[in-house]
ModelCIF file with pLDDT and N, C-alpha, C, O atoms, coordinates in Angstrom:
data_MODEL
#
_entry.id   MODEL 
#
_entity.id                         1 
_entity.type                       polymer 
_entity.pdbx_number_of_molecules   1 
#
_entity_poly.entity_id                      1 
_entity_poly.type                           'polypeptide(L)' 
_entity_poly.nstd_linkage                   no 
_entity_poly.nstd_monomer                   no 
_entity_poly.pdbx_seq_one_letter_code       TRLPLPKLLHLQRTFSKMNAMLVISSDNDLGNISPREAQALRVASWTP 
_entity_poly.pdbx_seq_one_letter_code_can   TRLPLPKLLHLQRTFSKMNAMLVISSDNDLGNISPREAQALRVASWTP 
_entity_poly.pdbx_strand_id                 A 
#
loop_
_entity_poly_seq.entity_id 
_entity_poly_seq.num 
_entity_poly_seq.mon_id 
_entity_poly_seq.hetero 
1 1  THR n 
1 2  ARG n 
1 3  LEU n 
1 4  PRO n 
1 5  LEU n 
1 6  PRO n 
1 7  LYS n 
1 8  LEU n 
1 9  LEU n 
1 10 HIS n 
1 11 LEU n 
1 12 GLN n 
1 13 ARG n 
1 14 THR n 
1 15 PHE n 
1 16 SER n 
1 17 LYS n 
1 18 MET n 
1 19 ASN n 
1 20 ALA n 
1 21 MET n 
1 22 LEU n 
1 23 VAL n 
1 24 ILE n 
1 25 SER n 
1 26 SER n 
1 27 ASP n 
1 28 ASN n 
1 29 ASP n 
1 30 LEU n 
1 31 GLY n 
1 32 ASN n 
1 33 ILE n 
1 34 SER n 
1 35 PRO n 
1 36 ARG n 
1 37 GLU n 
1 38 ALA n 
1 39 GLN n 
1 40 ALA n 
1 41 LEU n 
1 42 ARG n 
1 43 VAL n 
1 44 ALA n 
1 45 SER n 
1 46 TRP n 
1 47 THR n 
1 48 PRO n 
#
_struct_asym.id          A 
_struct_asym.entity_id   1 
#
loop_
_ma_qa_metric.id 
_ma_qa_metric.mode 
_ma_qa_metric.name 
_ma_qa_metric.software_group_id 
_ma_qa_metric.type 
1 global pLDDT . pLDDT 
2 local  pLDDT . pLDDT 
#
_ma_qa_metric_global.metric_id      1 
_ma_qa_metric_global.metric_value   69.29 
_ma_qa_metric_global.model_id       1 
_ma_qa_metric_global.ordinal_id     1 
#
loop_
_ma_qa_metric_local.label_asym_id 
_ma_qa_metric_local.label_comp_id 
_ma_qa_metric_local.label_seq_id 
_ma_qa_metric_local.metric_id 
_ma_qa_metric_local.metric_value 
_ma_qa_metric_local.model_id 
_ma_qa_metric_local.ordinal_id 
A THR 1  2 85.00 1 1  
A ARG 2  2 83.00 1 2  
A LEU 3  2 85.00 1 3  
A PRO 4  2 82.00 1 4  
A LEU 5  2 79.00 1 5  
A PRO 6  2 79.00 1 6  
A LYS 7  2 83.00 1 7  
A LEU 8  2 83.00 1 8  
A LEU 9  2 78.00 1 9  
A HIS 10 2 77.00 1 10 
A LEU 11 2 82.00 1 11 
A GLN 12 2 77.00 1 12 
A ARG 13 2 74.00 1 13 
A THR 14 2 75.00 1 14 
A PHE 15 2 78.00 1 15 
A SER 16 2 76.00 1 16 
A LYS 17 2 74.00 1 17 
A MET 18 2 78.00 1 18 
A ASN 19 2 82.00 1 19 
A ALA 20 2 84.00 1 20 
A MET 21 2 84.00 1 21 
A LEU 22 2 84.00 1 22 
A VAL 23 2 82.00 1 23 
A ILE 24 2 82.00 1 24 
A SER 25 2 76.00 1 25 
A SER 26 2 70.00 1 26 
A ASP 27 2 60.00 1 27 
A ASN 28 2 51.00 1 28 
A ASP 29 2 46.00 1 29 
A LEU 30 2 41.00 1 30 
A GLY 31 2 38.00 1 31 
A ASN 32 2 36.00 1 32 
A ILE 33 2 38.00 1 33 
A SER 34 2 37.00 1 34 
A PRO 35 2 38.00 1 35 
A ARG 36 2 42.00 1 36 
A GLU 37 2 42.00 1 37 
A ALA 38 2 43.00 1 38 
A GLN 39 2 57.00 1 39 
A ALA 40 2 70.00 1 40 
A LEU 41 2 74.00 1 41 
A ARG 42 2 78.00 1 42 
A VAL 43 2 80.00 1 43 
A ALA 44 2 81.00 1 44 
A SER 45 2 80.00 1 45 
A TRP 46 2 76.00 1 46 
A THR 47 2 75.00 1 47 
A PRO 48 2 71.00 1 48 
#
loop_
_atom_site.group_PDB 
_atom_site.id 
_atom_site.type_symbol 
_atom_site.label_atom_id 
_atom_site.label_alt_id 
_atom_site.label_comp_id 
_atom_site.label_asym_id 
_atom_site.label_entity_id 
_atom_site.label_seq_id 
_atom_site.pdbx_PDB_ins_code 
_atom_site.Cartn_x 
_atom_site.Cartn_y 
_atom_site.Cartn_z 
_atom_site.occupancy 
_atom_site.B_iso_or_equiv 
_atom_site.pdbx_formal_charge 
_atom_site.auth_seq_id 
_atom_site.auth_comp_id 
_atom_site.auth_asym_id 
_atom_site.auth_atom_id 
_atom_site.pdbx_PDB_model_num 
ATOM 1   N N  . THR A 1 1  ? -4.367  4.919   -6.586  1.00 85.00 ? 1  THR A N  1 
ATOM 2   C CA . THR A 1 1  ? -5.968  5.615   -5.406  1.00 85.00 ? 1  THR A CA 1 
ATOM 3   C C  . THR A 1 1  ? -5.152  6.772   -4.600  1.00 85.00 ? 1  THR A C  1 
ATOM 4   O O  . THR A 1 1  ? -4.004  7.215   -4.638  1.00 85.00 ? 1  THR A O  1 
ATOM 5   N N  . ARG A 1 2  ? -6.360  7.039   -3.835  1.00 83.00 ? 2  ARG A N  1 
ATOM 6   C CA . ARG A 1 2  ? -5.935  8.054   -2.824  1.00 83.00 ? 2  ARG A CA 1 
ATOM 7   C C  . ARG A 1 2  ? -6.331  7.497   -1.466  1.00 83.00 ? 2  ARG A C  1 
ATOM 8   O O  . ARG A 1 2  ? -5.864  7.852   -0.384  1.00 83.00 ? 2  ARG A O  1 
ATOM 9   N N  . LEU A 1 3  ? -7.586  6.248   -1.755  1.00 85.00 ? 3  LEU A N  1 
ATOM 10  C CA . LEU A 1 3  ? -7.727  5.622   -0.935  1.00 85.00 ? 3  LEU A CA 1 
ATOM 11  C C  . LEU A 1 3  ? -6.714  5.243   0.419   1.00 85.00 ? 3  LEU A C  1 
ATOM 12  O O  . LEU A 1 3  ? -5.646  4.689   0.158   1.00 85.00 ? 3  LEU A O  1 
ATOM 13  N N  . PRO A 1 4  ? -6.994  5.492   1.624   1.00 82.00 ? 4  PRO A N  1 
ATOM 14  C CA . PRO A 1 4  ? -5.875  4.638   2.500   1.00 82.00 ? 4  PRO A CA 1 
ATOM 15  C C  . PRO A 1 4  ? -5.511  3.152   2.287   1.00 82.00 ? 4  PRO A C  1 
ATOM 16  O O  . PRO A 1 4  ? -6.202  2.421   1.577   1.00 82.00 ? 4  PRO A O  1 
ATOM 17  N N  . LEU A 1 5  ? -4.530  2.783   2.855   1.00 79.00 ? 5  LEU A N  1 
ATOM 18  C CA . LEU A 1 5  ? -4.342  1.455   3.174   1.00 79.00 ? 5  LEU A CA 1 
ATOM 19  C C  . LEU A 1 5  ? -5.438  0.804   3.742   1.00 79.00 ? 5  LEU A C  1 
ATOM 20  O O  . LEU A 1 5  ? -5.898  -0.056  2.991   1.00 79.00 ? 5  LEU A O  1 
ATOM 21  N N  . PRO A 1 6  ? -6.002  0.918   4.789   1.00 79.00 ? 6  PRO A N  1 
ATOM 22  C CA . PRO A 1 6  ? -7.084  0.298   5.358   1.00 79.00 ? 6  PRO A CA 1 
ATOM 23  C C  . PRO A 1 6  ? -8.091  -0.067  4.999   1.00 79.00 ? 6  PRO A C  1 
ATOM 24  O O  . PRO A 1 6  ? -8.655  -0.952  5.642   1.00 79.00 ? 6  PRO A O  1 
ATOM 25  N N  . LYS A 1 7  ? -8.783  0.569   3.654   1.00 83.00 ? 7  LYS A N  1 
ATOM 26  C CA . LYS A 1 7  ? -10.110 0.103   3.177   1.00 83.00 ? 7  LYS A CA 1 
ATOM 27  C C  . LYS A 1 7  ? -9.377  -0.311  1.593   1.00 83.00 ? 7  LYS A C  1 
ATOM 28  O O  . LYS A 1 7  ? -9.985  -0.354  0.524   1.00 83.00 ? 7  LYS A O  1 
ATOM 29  N N  . LEU A 1 8  ? -8.278  -0.519  1.759   1.00 83.00 ? 8  LEU A N  1 
ATOM 30  C CA . LEU A 1 8  ? -7.735  -1.294  0.335   1.00 83.00 ? 8  LEU A CA 1 
ATOM 31  C C  . LEU A 1 8  ? -7.939  -2.873  0.621   1.00 83.00 ? 8  LEU A C  1 
ATOM 32  O O  . LEU A 1 8  ? -8.440  -3.598  -0.239  1.00 83.00 ? 8  LEU A O  1 
ATOM 33  N N  . LEU A 1 9  ? -7.525  -3.356  1.864   1.00 78.00 ? 9  LEU A N  1 
ATOM 34  C CA . LEU A 1 9  ? -7.428  -4.619  2.249   1.00 78.00 ? 9  LEU A CA 1 
ATOM 35  C C  . LEU A 1 9  ? -8.463  -6.199  1.791   1.00 78.00 ? 9  LEU A C  1 
ATOM 36  O O  . LEU A 1 9  ? -8.218  -7.390  1.984   1.00 78.00 ? 9  LEU A O  1 
ATOM 37  N N  . HIS A 1 10 ? -9.510  -5.580  1.209   1.00 77.00 ? 10 HIS A N  1 
ATOM 38  C CA . HIS A 1 10 ? -10.415 -6.437  0.097   1.00 77.00 ? 10 HIS A CA 1 
ATOM 39  C C  . HIS A 1 10 ? -9.133  -6.728  -1.075  1.00 77.00 ? 10 HIS A C  1 
ATOM 40  O O  . HIS A 1 10 ? -9.116  -7.853  -1.573  1.00 77.00 ? 10 HIS A O  1 
ATOM 41  N N  . LEU A 1 11 ? -8.436  -6.071  -1.361  1.00 82.00 ? 11 LEU A N  1 
ATOM 42  C CA . LEU A 1 11 ? -7.420  -6.839  -2.374  1.00 82.00 ? 11 LEU A CA 1 
ATOM 43  C C  . LEU A 1 11 ? -6.013  -7.030  -2.278  1.00 82.00 ? 11 LEU A C  1 
ATOM 44  O O  . LEU A 1 11 ? -4.981  -6.788  -2.904  1.00 82.00 ? 11 LEU A O  1 
ATOM 45  N N  . GLN A 1 12 ? -6.429  -7.592  -1.177  1.00 77.00 ? 12 GLN A N  1 
ATOM 46  C CA . GLN A 1 12 ? -5.096  -8.573  -0.607  1.00 77.00 ? 12 GLN A CA 1 
ATOM 47  C C  . GLN A 1 12 ? -4.489  -9.523  -0.583  1.00 77.00 ? 12 GLN A C  1 
ATOM 48  O O  . GLN A 1 12 ? -3.396  -9.939  -0.198  1.00 77.00 ? 12 GLN A O  1 
ATOM 49  N N  . ARG A 1 13 ? -5.711  -9.967  -1.255  1.00 74.00 ? 13 ARG A N  1 
ATOM 50  C CA . ARG A 1 13 ? -5.515  -11.064 -1.806  1.00 74.00 ? 13 ARG A CA 1 
ATOM 51  C C  . ARG A 1 13 ? -5.049  -12.021 -2.481  1.00 74.00 ? 13 ARG A C  1 
ATOM 52  O O  . ARG A 1 13 ? -4.331  -13.021 -2.493  1.00 74.00 ? 13 ARG A O  1 
ATOM 53  N N  . THR A 1 14 ? -6.169  -10.901 -3.414  1.00 75.00 ? 14 THR A N  1 
ATOM 54  C CA . THR A 1 14 ? -5.228  -10.787 -5.049  1.00 75.00 ? 14 THR A CA 1 
ATOM 55  C C  . THR A 1 14 ? -3.866  -10.027 -5.662  1.00 75.00 ? 14 THR A C  1 
ATOM 56  O O  . THR A 1 14 ? -3.257  -10.066 -6.731  1.00 75.00 ? 14 THR A O  1 
ATOM 57  N N  . PHE A 1 15 ? -3.728  -9.328  -4.418  1.00 78.00 ? 15 PHE A N  1 
ATOM 58  C CA . PHE A 1 15 ? -2.376  -8.811  -5.121  1.00 78.00 ? 15 PHE A CA 1 
ATOM 59  C C  . PHE A 1 15 ? -1.500  -9.575  -4.211  1.00 78.00 ? 15 PHE A C  1 
ATOM 60  O O  . PHE A 1 15 ? -0.416  -9.343  -4.746  1.00 78.00 ? 15 PHE A O  1 
ATOM 61  N N  . SER A 1 16 ? -1.209  -10.398 -3.106  1.00 76.00 ? 16 SER A N  1 
ATOM 62  C CA . SER A 1 16 ? -0.282  -10.994 -2.795  1.00 76.00 ? 16 SER A CA 1 
ATOM 63  C C  . SER A 1 16 ? -0.454  -12.453 -3.632  1.00 76.00 ? 16 SER A C  1 
ATOM 64  O O  . SER A 1 16 ? -0.054  -13.437 -3.011  1.00 76.00 ? 16 SER A O  1 
ATOM 65  N N  . LYS A 1 17 ? -0.951  -12.662 -4.836  1.00 74.00 ? 17 LYS A N  1 
ATOM 66  C CA . LYS A 1 17 ? -0.743  -13.808 -5.440  1.00 74.00 ? 17 LYS A CA 1 
ATOM 67  C C  . LYS A 1 17 ? 0.382   -13.671 -7.068  1.00 74.00 ? 17 LYS A C  1 
ATOM 68  O O  . LYS A 1 17 ? 0.736   -14.488 -7.918  1.00 74.00 ? 17 LYS A O  1 
ATOM 69  N N  . MET A 1 18 ? 0.667   -11.919 -6.807  1.00 78.00 ? 18 MET A N  1 
ATOM 70  C CA . MET A 1 18 ? 0.289   -12.134 -8.381  1.00 78.00 ? 18 MET A CA 1 
ATOM 71  C C  . MET A 1 18 ? 1.490   -10.946 -8.419  1.00 78.00 ? 18 MET A C  1 
ATOM 72  O O  . MET A 1 18 ? 2.067   -10.670 -7.367  1.00 78.00 ? 18 MET A O  1 
ATOM 73  N N  . ASN A 1 19 ? 1.795   -10.346 -9.508  1.00 82.00 ? 19 ASN A N  1 
ATOM 74  C CA . ASN A 1 19 ? 2.491   -9.379  -9.947  1.00 82.00 ? 19 ASN A CA 1 
ATOM 75  C C  . ASN A 1 19 ? 1.876   -8.030  -10.046 1.00 82.00 ? 19 ASN A C  1 
ATOM 76  O O  . ASN A 1 19 ? 1.481   -7.522  -11.094 1.00 82.00 ? 19 ASN A O  1 
ATOM 77  N N  . ALA A 1 20 ? 1.827   -7.460  -8.788  1.00 84.00 ? 20 ALA A N  1 
ATOM 78  C CA . ALA A 1 20 ? 0.768   -6.470  -8.042  1.00 84.00 ? 20 ALA A CA 1 
ATOM 79  C C  . ALA A 1 20 ? 1.819   -5.171  -7.650  1.00 84.00 ? 20 ALA A C  1 
ATOM 80  O O  . ALA A 1 20 ? 2.982   -5.207  -7.249  1.00 84.00 ? 20 ALA A O  1 
ATOM 81  N N  . MET A 1 21 ? 0.888   -3.976  -7.943  1.00 84.00 ? 21 MET A N  1 
ATOM 82  C CA . MET A 1 21 ? 1.737   -3.280  -6.565  1.00 84.00 ? 21 MET A CA 1 
ATOM 83  C C  . MET A 1 21 ? 0.382   -1.850  -6.145  1.00 84.00 ? 21 MET A C  1 
ATOM 84  O O  . MET A 1 21 ? -0.379  -1.375  -6.988  1.00 84.00 ? 21 MET A O  1 
ATOM 85  N N  . LEU A 1 22 ? 0.408   -1.633  -5.348  1.00 84.00 ? 22 LEU A N  1 
ATOM 86  C CA . LEU A 1 22 ? -0.631  -0.260  -4.972  1.00 84.00 ? 22 LEU A CA 1 
ATOM 87  C C  . LEU A 1 22 ? 0.770   1.010   -5.153  1.00 84.00 ? 22 LEU A C  1 
ATOM 88  O O  . LEU A 1 22 ? 1.999   0.987   -5.078  1.00 84.00 ? 22 LEU A O  1 
ATOM 89  N N  . VAL A 1 23 ? -0.214  1.949   -5.402  1.00 82.00 ? 23 VAL A N  1 
ATOM 90  C CA . VAL A 1 23 ? 0.488   3.186   -5.367  1.00 82.00 ? 23 VAL A CA 1 
ATOM 91  C C  . VAL A 1 23 ? -0.906  3.942   -4.897  1.00 82.00 ? 23 VAL A C  1 
ATOM 92  O O  . VAL A 1 23 ? -2.057  3.930   -5.335  1.00 82.00 ? 23 VAL A O  1 
ATOM 93  N N  . ILE A 1 24 ? -0.132  4.722   -3.601  1.00 82.00 ? 24 ILE A N  1 
ATOM 94  C CA . ILE A 1 24 ? -1.312  5.454   -2.505  1.00 82.00 ? 24 ILE A CA 1 
ATOM 95  C C  . ILE A 1 24 ? -0.845  7.068   -3.099  1.00 82.00 ? 24 ILE A C  1 
ATOM 96  O O  . ILE A 1 24 ? 0.329   7.430   -3.019  1.00 82.00 ? 24 ILE A O  1 
ATOM 97  N N  . SER A 1 25 ? -1.628  7.714   -3.530  1.00 76.00 ? 25 SER A N  1 
ATOM 98  C CA . SER A 1 25 ? -1.122  9.382   -3.379  1.00 76.00 ? 25 SER A CA 1 
ATOM 99  C C  . SER A 1 25 ? -1.755  9.469   -2.777  1.00 76.00 ? 25 SER A C  1 
ATOM 100 O O  . SER A 1 25 ? -2.852  8.921   -2.679  1.00 76.00 ? 25 SER A O  1 
ATOM 101 N N  . SER A 1 26 ? -0.872  10.759  -1.707  1.00 70.00 ? 26 SER A N  1 
ATOM 102 C CA . SER A 1 26 ? -1.394  11.436  -0.310  1.00 70.00 ? 26 SER A CA 1 
ATOM 103 C C  . SER A 1 26 ? -0.367  12.611  -0.761  1.00 70.00 ? 26 SER A C  1 
ATOM 104 O O  . SER A 1 26 ? 0.324   12.747  -1.770  1.00 70.00 ? 26 SER A O  1 
ATOM 105 N N  . ASP A 1 27 ? -0.602  13.633  0.740   1.00 60.00 ? 27 ASP A N  1 
ATOM 106 C CA . ASP A 1 27 ? -0.257  14.985  0.235   1.00 60.00 ? 27 ASP A CA 1 
ATOM 107 C C  . ASP A 1 27 ? 0.850   14.570  2.041   1.00 60.00 ? 27 ASP A C  1 
ATOM 108 O O  . ASP A 1 27 ? 1.289   15.461  2.768   1.00 60.00 ? 27 ASP A O  1 
ATOM 109 N N  . ASN A 1 28 ? 0.994   13.296  2.262   1.00 51.00 ? 28 ASN A N  1 
ATOM 110 C CA . ASN A 1 28 ? 1.422   13.400  3.869   1.00 51.00 ? 28 ASN A CA 1 
ATOM 111 C C  . ASN A 1 28 ? 2.165   12.310  4.019   1.00 51.00 ? 28 ASN A C  1 
ATOM 112 O O  . ASN A 1 28 ? 1.833   11.377  3.289   1.00 51.00 ? 28 ASN A O  1 
ATOM 113 N N  . ASP A 1 29 ? 3.168   12.106  4.814   1.00 46.00 ? 29 ASP A N  1 
ATOM 114 C CA . ASP A 1 29 ? 4.097   10.757  4.377   1.00 46.00 ? 29 ASP A CA 1 
ATOM 115 C C  . ASP A 1 29 ? 3.396   9.434   5.309   1.00 46.00 ? 29 ASP A C  1 
ATOM 116 O O  . ASP A 1 29 ? 3.130   9.468   6.510   1.00 46.00 ? 29 ASP A O  1 
ATOM 117 N N  . LEU A 1 30 ? 3.197   8.301   4.373   1.00 41.00 ? 30 LEU A N  1 
ATOM 118 C CA . LEU A 1 30 ? 2.481   7.574   5.049   1.00 41.00 ? 30 LEU A CA 1 
ATOM 119 C C  . LEU A 1 30 ? 3.332   6.859   6.208   1.00 41.00 ? 30 LEU A C  1 
ATOM 120 O O  . LEU A 1 30 ? 2.849   5.734   6.332   1.00 41.00 ? 30 LEU A O  1 
ATOM 121 N N  . GLY A 1 31 ? 4.423   7.038   7.133   1.00 38.00 ? 31 GLY A N  1 
ATOM 122 C CA . GLY A 1 31 ? 5.319   5.987   7.469   1.00 38.00 ? 31 GLY A CA 1 
ATOM 123 C C  . GLY A 1 31 ? 5.498   5.029   6.678   1.00 38.00 ? 31 GLY A C  1 
ATOM 124 O O  . GLY A 1 31 ? 5.274   4.861   5.479   1.00 38.00 ? 31 GLY A O  1 
ATOM 125 N N  . ASN A 1 32 ? 6.232   3.982   8.058   1.00 36.00 ? 32 ASN A N  1 
ATOM 126 C CA . ASN A 1 32 ? 6.357   2.767   8.126   1.00 36.00 ? 32 ASN A CA 1 
ATOM 127 C C  . ASN A 1 32 ? 5.210   2.083   8.041   1.00 36.00 ? 32 ASN A C  1 
ATOM 128 O O  . ASN A 1 32 ? 4.445   2.153   9.003   1.00 36.00 ? 32 ASN A O  1 
ATOM 129 N N  . ILE A 1 33 ? 4.785   1.159   6.707   1.00 38.00 ? 33 ILE A N  1 
ATOM 130 C CA . ILE A 1 33 ? 4.242   -0.104  6.538   1.00 38.00 ? 33 ILE A CA 1 
ATOM 131 C C  . ILE A 1 33 ? 4.360   -1.145  7.095   1.00 38.00 ? 33 ILE A C  1 
ATOM 132 O O  . ILE A 1 33 ? 5.346   -1.792  6.742   1.00 38.00 ? 33 ILE A O  1 
ATOM 133 N N  . SER A 1 34 ? 3.369   -1.840  8.287   1.00 37.00 ? 34 SER A N  1 
ATOM 134 C CA . SER A 1 34 ? 4.042   -3.287  9.003   1.00 37.00 ? 34 SER A CA 1 
ATOM 135 C C  . SER A 1 34 ? 3.790   -4.135  8.048   1.00 37.00 ? 34 SER A C  1 
ATOM 136 O O  . SER A 1 34 ? 2.704   -4.493  7.593   1.00 37.00 ? 34 SER A O  1 
ATOM 137 N N  . PRO A 1 35 ? 4.525   -4.344  7.854   1.00 38.00 ? 35 PRO A N  1 
ATOM 138 C CA . PRO A 1 35 ? 3.771   -6.325  7.042   1.00 38.00 ? 35 PRO A CA 1 
ATOM 139 C C  . PRO A 1 35 ? 3.085   -7.153  8.086   1.00 38.00 ? 35 PRO A C  1 
ATOM 140 O O  . PRO A 1 35 ? 2.288   -8.024  7.736   1.00 38.00 ? 35 PRO A O  1 
ATOM 141 N N  . ARG A 1 36 ? 3.302   -6.970  9.121   1.00 42.00 ? 36 ARG A N  1 
ATOM 142 C CA . ARG A 1 36 ? 2.754   -8.287  10.265  1.00 42.00 ? 36 ARG A CA 1 
ATOM 143 C C  . ARG A 1 36 ? 1.508   -7.408  10.332  1.00 42.00 ? 36 ARG A C  1 
ATOM 144 O O  . ARG A 1 36 ? 0.718   -8.350  10.396  1.00 42.00 ? 36 ARG A O  1 
ATOM 145 N N  . GLU A 1 37 ? 0.639   -6.220  10.370  1.00 42.00 ? 37 GLU A N  1 
ATOM 146 C CA . GLU A 1 37 ? -0.323  -5.309  10.947  1.00 42.00 ? 37 GLU A CA 1 
ATOM 147 C C  . GLU A 1 37 ? -1.110  -5.778  9.108   1.00 42.00 ? 37 GLU A C  1 
ATOM 148 O O  . GLU A 1 37 ? -1.769  -6.746  8.729   1.00 42.00 ? 37 GLU A O  1 
ATOM 149 N N  . ALA A 1 38 ? -0.547  -4.408  8.332   1.00 43.00 ? 38 ALA A N  1 
ATOM 150 C CA . ALA A 1 38 ? -1.096  -4.388  7.433   1.00 43.00 ? 38 ALA A CA 1 
ATOM 151 C C  . ALA A 1 38 ? -1.250  -5.588  5.783   1.00 43.00 ? 38 ALA A C  1 
ATOM 152 O O  . ALA A 1 38 ? -1.913  -5.725  4.755   1.00 43.00 ? 38 ALA A O  1 
ATOM 153 N N  . GLN A 1 39 ? -0.157  -6.159  6.515   1.00 57.00 ? 39 GLN A N  1 
ATOM 154 C CA . GLN A 1 39 ? 0.001   -6.904  5.051   1.00 57.00 ? 39 GLN A CA 1 
ATOM 155 C C  . GLN A 1 39 ? 0.677   -6.617  3.615   1.00 57.00 ? 39 GLN A C  1 
ATOM 156 O O  . GLN A 1 39 ? 0.697   -7.295  2.588   1.00 57.00 ? 39 GLN A O  1 
ATOM 157 N N  . ALA A 1 40 ? 1.269   -5.248  3.957   1.00 70.00 ? 40 ALA A N  1 
ATOM 158 C CA . ALA A 1 40 ? 1.605   -4.167  2.918   1.00 70.00 ? 40 ALA A CA 1 
ATOM 159 C C  . ALA A 1 40 ? 3.554   -3.925  3.011   1.00 70.00 ? 40 ALA A C  1 
ATOM 160 O O  . ALA A 1 40 ? 4.312   -3.322  3.771   1.00 70.00 ? 40 ALA A O  1 
ATOM 161 N N  . LEU A 1 41 ? 3.584   -4.084  2.782   1.00 74.00 ? 41 LEU A N  1 
ATOM 162 C CA . LEU A 1 41 ? 5.225   -3.368  1.962   1.00 74.00 ? 41 LEU A CA 1 
ATOM 163 C C  . LEU A 1 41 ? 5.705   -2.693  1.320   1.00 74.00 ? 41 LEU A C  1 
ATOM 164 O O  . LEU A 1 41 ? 6.295   -3.248  0.394   1.00 74.00 ? 41 LEU A O  1 
ATOM 165 N N  . ARG A 1 42 ? 5.797   -0.979  1.355   1.00 78.00 ? 42 ARG A N  1 
ATOM 166 C CA . ARG A 1 42 ? 6.791   -0.001  1.236   1.00 78.00 ? 42 ARG A CA 1 
ATOM 167 C C  . ARG A 1 42 ? 7.806   -0.327  0.727   1.00 78.00 ? 42 ARG A C  1 
ATOM 168 O O  . ARG A 1 42 ? 8.807   -0.565  1.403   1.00 78.00 ? 42 ARG A O  1 
ATOM 169 N N  . VAL A 1 43 ? 7.779   -0.428  -0.819  1.00 80.00 ? 43 VAL A N  1 
ATOM 170 C CA . VAL A 1 43 ? 8.724   -0.508  -1.564  1.00 80.00 ? 43 VAL A CA 1 
ATOM 171 C C  . VAL A 1 43 ? 9.675   0.793   -2.243  1.00 80.00 ? 43 VAL A C  1 
ATOM 172 O O  . VAL A 1 43 ? 10.855  0.854   -2.586  1.00 80.00 ? 43 VAL A O  1 
ATOM 173 N N  . ALA A 1 44 ? 8.972   1.409   -2.248  1.00 81.00 ? 44 ALA A N  1 
ATOM 174 C CA . ALA A 1 44 ? 9.611   2.844   -2.824  1.00 81.00 ? 44 ALA A CA 1 
ATOM 175 C C  . ALA A 1 44 ? 8.478   4.200   -2.457  1.00 81.00 ? 44 ALA A C  1 
ATOM 176 O O  . ALA A 1 44 ? 7.263   4.047   -2.332  1.00 81.00 ? 44 ALA A O  1 
ATOM 177 N N  . SER A 1 45 ? 9.035   5.199   -2.357  1.00 80.00 ? 45 SER A N  1 
ATOM 178 C CA . SER A 1 45 ? 8.201   6.372   -2.757  1.00 80.00 ? 45 SER A CA 1 
ATOM 179 C C  . SER A 1 45 ? 8.185   7.379   -3.976  1.00 80.00 ? 45 SER A C  1 
ATOM 180 O O  . SER A 1 45 ? 8.330   6.575   -4.896  1.00 80.00 ? 45 SER A O  1 
ATOM 181 N N  . TRP A 1 46 ? 8.129   8.206   -4.374  1.00 76.00 ? 46 TRP A N  1 
ATOM 182 C CA . TRP A 1 46 ? 7.978   8.959   -5.531  1.00 76.00 ? 46 TRP A CA 1 
ATOM 183 C C  . TRP A 1 46 ? 7.175   10.390  -4.866  1.00 76.00 ? 46 TRP A C  1 
ATOM 184 O O  . TRP A 1 46 ? 6.199   10.518  -4.127  1.00 76.00 ? 46 TRP A O  1 
ATOM 185 N N  . THR A 1 47 ? 8.191   11.449  -5.585  1.00 75.00 ? 47 THR A N  1 
ATOM 186 C CA . THR A 1 47 ? 8.518   13.212  -5.407  1.00 75.00 ? 47 THR A CA 1 
ATOM 187 C C  . THR A 1 47 ? 8.667   13.137  -7.326  1.00 75.00 ? 47 THR A C  1 
ATOM 188 O O  . THR A 1 47 ? 9.310   12.491  -8.153  1.00 75.00 ? 47 THR A O  1 
ATOM 189 N N  . PRO A 1 48 ? 7.615   14.251  -7.313  1.00 71.00 ? 48 PRO A N  1 
ATOM 190 C CA . PRO A 1 48 ? 8.506   15.297  -8.501  1.00 71.00 ? 48 PRO A CA 1 
ATOM 191 C C  . PRO A 1 48 ? 9.885   15.791  -8.536  1.00 71.00 ? 48 PRO A C  1 
ATOM 192 O O  . PRO A 1 48 ? 10.263  16.501  -9.468  1.00 71.00 ? 48 PRO A O  1 
#
């Protein structure tokens, strides 16, 4: 998705309990994602 992380919080409960990963496509660096604030952890980035 291209949606920012704050608009994806409704997926948090499902994703935290299963083998799932968000792939957020954007033209700008997201910076560090705080596990406490966003309940998300960026594990990798991808560039062509």
